[in-house]
Protein backbone atom coordinates (compact mmCIF):
# COMPACT_ATOMS: atom_id res chain seq x y z
CA MET A 1 36.75 -29.13 7.71
CA THR A 2 35.67 -30.95 10.78
CA GLY A 3 31.81 -31.35 10.77
CA SER A 4 31.37 -29.61 7.49
CA PRO A 5 31.38 -31.92 4.47
CA ASP A 6 31.26 -30.32 1.02
CA THR A 7 28.65 -32.53 -1.03
CA SER A 8 28.57 -30.37 -4.01
CA SER A 9 29.73 -31.65 -7.39
CA PRO A 10 33.47 -32.05 -7.93
CA ASP A 11 33.31 -30.64 -11.30
CA GLU A 12 35.16 -27.51 -12.21
CA ALA A 13 32.98 -24.40 -11.18
CA PRO A 14 32.03 -22.12 -14.12
CA ALA A 15 33.65 -18.83 -14.29
CA PHE A 16 31.76 -15.94 -12.58
CA ASP A 17 30.03 -13.72 -14.93
CA THR A 18 30.29 -10.25 -13.07
CA SER A 19 29.16 -8.28 -16.26
CA VAL A 20 25.49 -9.24 -15.58
CA ALA A 21 23.51 -8.54 -12.23
CA HIS A 22 22.84 -11.62 -10.38
CA SER A 23 19.99 -11.78 -7.62
CA ALA A 24 22.32 -12.93 -4.74
CA ARG A 25 24.86 -10.19 -5.25
CA VAL A 26 22.11 -7.44 -5.74
CA TYR A 27 20.51 -8.78 -2.47
CA ASP A 28 24.09 -8.68 -0.90
CA TYR A 29 24.30 -4.92 -1.89
CA TRP A 30 20.93 -4.12 -0.39
CA LEU A 31 21.95 -5.78 2.91
CA GLY A 32 25.25 -3.78 2.92
CA GLY A 33 27.54 -6.42 1.84
CA LYS A 34 30.73 -6.08 -0.29
CA ASP A 35 30.40 -9.21 -2.34
CA ASN A 36 28.81 -7.55 -5.51
CA PHE A 37 30.17 -5.96 -8.76
CA ALA A 38 29.11 -2.83 -10.78
CA ALA A 39 26.25 -4.49 -12.67
CA ASP A 40 24.91 -5.56 -9.39
CA ARG A 41 25.20 -2.10 -7.74
CA VAL A 42 23.58 -0.54 -10.87
CA ALA A 43 20.50 -2.97 -10.72
CA ALA A 44 20.21 -2.53 -7.02
CA GLU A 45 20.15 1.22 -7.07
CA GLN A 46 17.58 1.26 -9.94
CA VAL A 47 15.24 -0.51 -7.48
CA ILE A 48 16.16 1.80 -4.64
CA GLU A 49 15.10 4.70 -6.70
CA VAL A 50 11.63 3.34 -6.75
CA ARG A 51 11.71 1.74 -3.35
CA PRO A 52 14.07 3.39 -1.07
CA ALA A 53 12.95 1.20 1.96
CA ILE A 54 14.24 -2.02 -0.02
CA ARG A 55 17.21 -2.36 2.61
CA THR A 56 14.74 -2.36 5.43
CA ASP A 57 12.66 -4.84 3.38
CA VAL A 58 15.64 -7.40 3.03
CA ARG A 59 16.63 -6.92 6.58
CA ALA A 60 13.25 -7.65 7.77
CA ASN A 61 13.20 -10.81 5.50
CA ARG A 62 16.68 -11.92 7.42
CA ALA A 63 15.42 -11.18 10.74
CA PHE A 64 12.39 -13.40 9.87
CA LEU A 65 14.52 -16.33 9.05
CA GLY A 66 16.38 -15.86 12.34
CA ARG A 67 13.04 -15.87 14.45
CA ALA A 68 11.81 -18.85 12.53
CA VAL A 69 15.02 -20.99 12.87
CA ARG A 70 15.12 -20.16 16.59
CA TYR A 71 11.66 -21.42 17.07
CA LEU A 72 12.31 -24.50 15.02
CA ALA A 73 15.49 -25.35 16.78
CA GLY A 74 14.09 -24.60 20.18
CA PRO A 75 10.48 -25.09 21.10
CA ALA A 76 9.84 -27.32 17.91
CA GLY A 77 12.87 -29.58 18.29
CA ILE A 78 14.06 -29.60 14.77
CA ARG A 79 17.58 -30.77 14.27
CA GLN A 80 17.62 -30.91 10.27
CA PHE A 81 17.44 -27.86 7.94
CA LEU A 82 17.29 -27.85 4.16
CA ASP A 83 18.04 -24.36 3.21
CA ILE A 84 17.34 -23.90 -0.56
CA GLY A 85 18.39 -20.57 -2.27
CA THR A 86 21.22 -19.81 0.39
CA GLY A 87 22.39 -16.42 -0.99
CA LEU A 88 25.51 -14.98 -0.05
CA PRO A 89 26.61 -15.54 3.53
CA SER A 90 25.64 -12.85 6.03
CA ALA A 91 24.82 -12.37 9.61
CA ASP A 92 22.84 -15.05 11.39
CA ASN A 93 22.83 -17.75 8.58
CA THR A 94 20.55 -20.61 9.20
CA HIS A 95 23.26 -23.00 10.63
CA GLU A 96 24.60 -20.25 12.84
CA VAL A 97 21.13 -19.59 14.38
CA ALA A 98 20.15 -23.23 14.68
CA GLN A 99 23.53 -24.39 16.20
CA SER A 100 23.45 -21.65 18.56
CA VAL A 101 20.29 -23.26 19.94
CA ALA A 102 21.13 -26.90 19.26
CA PRO A 103 24.85 -27.45 18.26
CA GLU A 104 24.03 -30.95 16.94
CA SER A 105 21.88 -29.45 14.17
CA ARG A 106 22.59 -30.57 10.74
CA ILE A 107 22.09 -28.17 7.69
CA VAL A 108 22.35 -28.52 4.03
CA TYR A 109 22.51 -25.42 1.97
CA VAL A 110 21.52 -25.36 -1.71
CA ASP A 111 22.28 -22.85 -4.37
CA ASN A 112 23.24 -22.94 -8.04
CA ASP A 113 25.37 -19.72 -8.16
CA PRO A 114 28.97 -20.54 -8.05
CA ILE A 115 30.09 -17.45 -6.30
CA VAL A 116 27.47 -18.21 -3.57
CA LEU A 117 29.09 -21.82 -3.24
CA ALA A 118 32.55 -20.38 -3.11
CA HIS A 119 31.74 -18.12 -0.24
CA ALA A 120 29.74 -20.75 1.46
CA ARG A 121 32.60 -23.14 1.41
CA ALA A 122 34.94 -20.51 2.88
CA LEU A 123 32.79 -18.98 5.43
CA LEU A 124 29.70 -21.15 6.59
CA THR A 125 31.55 -23.57 9.11
CA SER A 126 29.88 -25.82 11.36
CA LYS A 127 30.04 -26.43 15.06
CA PRO A 128 31.81 -29.66 15.53
CA GLU A 129 28.80 -31.28 17.20
CA GLY A 130 26.87 -30.66 13.92
CA VAL A 131 27.04 -30.72 10.19
CA THR A 132 26.99 -28.04 7.47
CA ALA A 133 27.00 -29.11 3.97
CA TYR A 134 26.69 -27.45 0.49
CA LEU A 135 24.89 -28.47 -2.68
CA ASP A 136 25.17 -27.09 -6.10
CA ALA A 137 21.74 -27.65 -7.29
CA ASP A 138 18.61 -25.89 -8.81
CA LEU A 139 15.24 -25.59 -7.00
CA ARG A 140 13.71 -26.55 -10.37
CA ASP A 141 15.14 -30.19 -9.79
CA PRO A 142 13.91 -31.07 -6.28
CA GLU A 143 14.48 -34.81 -6.92
CA ALA A 144 18.18 -34.08 -7.18
CA ILE A 145 18.36 -31.92 -4.15
CA LEU A 146 16.45 -34.49 -1.98
CA ALA A 147 18.61 -37.28 -3.26
CA ARG A 148 21.81 -35.47 -2.34
CA ALA A 149 20.56 -33.76 0.67
CA GLY A 150 19.73 -37.33 1.94
CA GLN A 151 23.43 -38.04 2.15
CA THR A 152 23.62 -35.67 5.03
CA LEU A 153 20.01 -35.39 6.36
CA ASP A 154 17.90 -38.34 7.51
CA LEU A 155 14.79 -37.67 5.53
CA ALA A 156 12.93 -40.18 7.53
CA GLN A 157 12.95 -37.82 10.44
CA PRO A 158 11.48 -34.17 10.66
CA VAL A 159 13.09 -31.62 8.43
CA ALA A 160 12.71 -27.85 8.08
CA ILE A 161 12.59 -26.91 4.46
CA MET A 162 13.67 -23.32 4.14
CA LEU A 163 12.45 -21.40 1.15
CA VAL A 164 13.20 -17.76 2.13
CA ALA A 165 12.95 -15.30 -0.55
CA VAL A 166 13.84 -17.69 -3.50
CA LEU A 167 10.34 -18.80 -4.97
CA HIS A 168 9.82 -15.48 -6.70
CA HIS A 169 12.63 -16.46 -8.98
CA ILE A 170 10.63 -19.49 -10.25
CA PRO A 171 8.03 -18.38 -12.83
CA ASP A 172 4.51 -19.83 -13.14
CA SER A 173 5.63 -21.61 -16.28
CA ASP A 174 8.14 -23.62 -14.28
CA ASP A 175 5.45 -24.97 -11.90
CA PRO A 176 6.64 -23.57 -8.45
CA TYR A 177 3.61 -25.19 -6.75
CA GLY A 178 4.47 -28.56 -8.16
CA ILE A 179 8.02 -28.13 -6.91
CA VAL A 180 7.15 -27.22 -3.45
CA ALA A 181 4.59 -30.02 -3.19
CA ARG A 182 7.31 -32.57 -4.24
CA LEU A 183 9.59 -31.23 -1.54
CA ARG A 184 6.65 -31.43 0.98
CA GLU A 185 5.91 -35.05 0.04
CA ALA A 186 9.35 -36.08 0.63
CA VAL A 187 9.45 -35.33 4.32
CA PRO A 188 7.54 -37.00 7.14
CA SER A 189 5.11 -35.86 9.72
CA GLY A 190 6.44 -33.16 12.01
CA SER A 191 8.35 -31.46 9.34
CA TYR A 192 8.17 -27.74 8.72
CA LEU A 193 8.17 -25.27 5.85
CA VAL A 194 9.50 -21.73 6.29
CA LEU A 195 8.70 -19.57 3.30
CA SER A 196 8.91 -15.86 2.38
CA HIS A 197 8.04 -14.33 -0.79
CA PRO A 198 7.85 -10.78 -2.25
CA ALA A 199 4.25 -9.50 -2.39
CA SER A 200 2.32 -8.43 -5.45
CA ASP A 201 -0.64 -7.04 -3.36
CA VAL A 202 1.04 -4.60 -0.88
CA GLN A 203 1.85 -1.17 -2.43
CA THR A 204 0.66 -2.71 -5.67
CA GLU A 205 1.88 0.20 -8.29
CA LYS A 206 5.24 0.61 -6.53
CA VAL A 207 6.18 -2.97 -6.24
CA ALA A 208 5.09 -3.46 -10.01
CA GLU A 209 7.52 -0.85 -10.98
CA VAL A 210 10.19 -2.49 -8.71
CA ALA A 211 9.67 -5.97 -10.60
CA ARG A 212 9.92 -4.11 -13.90
CA ARG A 213 13.28 -2.63 -13.07
CA TYR A 214 14.56 -5.70 -11.43
CA ASN A 215 13.53 -7.82 -14.35
CA ALA A 216 15.21 -5.68 -16.88
CA SER A 217 18.72 -6.02 -15.52
CA VAL A 218 18.95 -9.03 -13.28
CA VAL A 219 19.48 -12.62 -14.83
CA THR A 220 17.13 -14.18 -12.56
CA GLY A 221 13.93 -12.18 -12.85
CA GLN A 222 11.18 -12.06 -10.10
CA THR A 223 7.46 -12.95 -10.12
CA ARG A 224 5.64 -11.36 -7.18
CA ARG A 225 2.51 -12.91 -5.72
CA SER A 226 -0.42 -12.19 -3.51
CA VAL A 227 -0.98 -13.53 0.04
CA THR A 228 -3.43 -15.98 -1.43
CA GLU A 229 -0.82 -17.35 -3.85
CA VAL A 230 1.89 -17.51 -1.30
CA ALA A 231 -0.26 -19.33 1.20
CA GLY A 232 -1.13 -21.97 -1.46
CA PHE A 233 2.63 -23.15 -1.47
CA PHE A 234 1.88 -24.58 2.11
CA GLY A 235 -0.72 -26.97 0.60
CA ASP A 236 -2.62 -28.90 3.51
CA TRP A 237 0.02 -28.26 6.12
CA GLU A 238 -0.88 -26.45 9.47
CA ILE A 239 0.16 -22.98 9.07
CA LEU A 240 1.36 -21.65 12.47
CA GLU A 241 -0.02 -18.52 13.99
CA PRO A 242 0.04 -15.67 13.03
CA GLY A 243 -0.53 -17.04 9.64
CA VAL A 244 0.80 -15.76 6.38
CA THR A 245 1.81 -12.19 7.35
CA GLN A 246 4.39 -9.46 6.52
CA THR A 247 7.83 -10.42 7.56
CA PRO A 248 8.24 -8.07 10.66
CA LEU A 249 4.91 -9.20 12.02
CA TRP A 250 5.69 -12.97 12.17
CA ARG A 251 6.11 -13.46 15.97
CA PRO A 252 8.17 -10.39 16.46
CA ASP A 253 10.91 -10.22 19.40
CA ALA A 254 9.27 -7.00 20.70
CA PRO A 255 5.83 -5.47 20.08
CA THR A 256 5.80 -4.20 16.48
CA PRO A 257 3.15 -1.80 15.25
CA VAL A 258 1.03 -3.08 12.48
CA THR A 259 2.31 -1.93 9.17
CA GLY A 260 1.69 -2.21 5.50
CA ASN A 261 5.04 -0.87 4.47
CA VAL A 262 6.93 -4.11 4.15
CA PRO A 263 5.95 -5.94 0.79
CA MET A 264 6.90 -9.44 1.62
CA TRP A 265 4.82 -12.34 2.91
CA ALA A 266 5.95 -15.02 5.27
CA GLY A 267 4.85 -17.93 7.16
CA VAL A 268 5.82 -21.16 8.77
CA ALA A 269 3.77 -24.54 8.50
CA ARG A 270 3.91 -27.96 9.98
CA LYS A 271 3.28 -31.25 8.35
CA PRO A 272 0.40 -33.06 10.26
């Protein structure tokens, strides 16, 4: 399609395993989507039993993504976005928000779930002035992501790295801080990091039970982290106001009462 190259691997995609719950499809169910299967719905409902507000939580995360991208494509002047851990297409995807502000924006989506990539190719179409591309790659291999993203993005110019609700799928044993550091090091001054992450230190007992139930049934488990641990992903970059905060409180569109009810941290930082 015009303006939307597919830079994923030409190899035949593996068959979808719908018998085991997958994070992207569980998340899709919570968002009210229809691209999920029985195993996903069972896993999602097990979490809902403990955390009925999980649907509100994931919508708040999606809204944070939209506000962050609008800021970056607008006042910050960013025209390149590397969105890792795309998830299934929903409303207000990164390229839709960015290109609504700056039609010439270039976006590379990265995911390693074949069903996500199939939906992305079919649904995420670029404005003709810009580019939307897709990579089949794993966050655990940042060098491969950067090498292939560099075919679409100019990594010598500022880039917004999007790690929205994905790092909790990387356990400490896989060195998530090292992975993020390699991504940060690969982009120039003036680049940004957008990050959100499920909290371990908000409603502690309840979210621990959420994680236990989720990990018992979803192939890609989760590791929740504290606000201090999440802030550590930004390294020495300048964290924008209001700092690392709960998702609804990051530059809300309208006055929002302070709440402790959303167990997800979020922040945006700029490389000096």
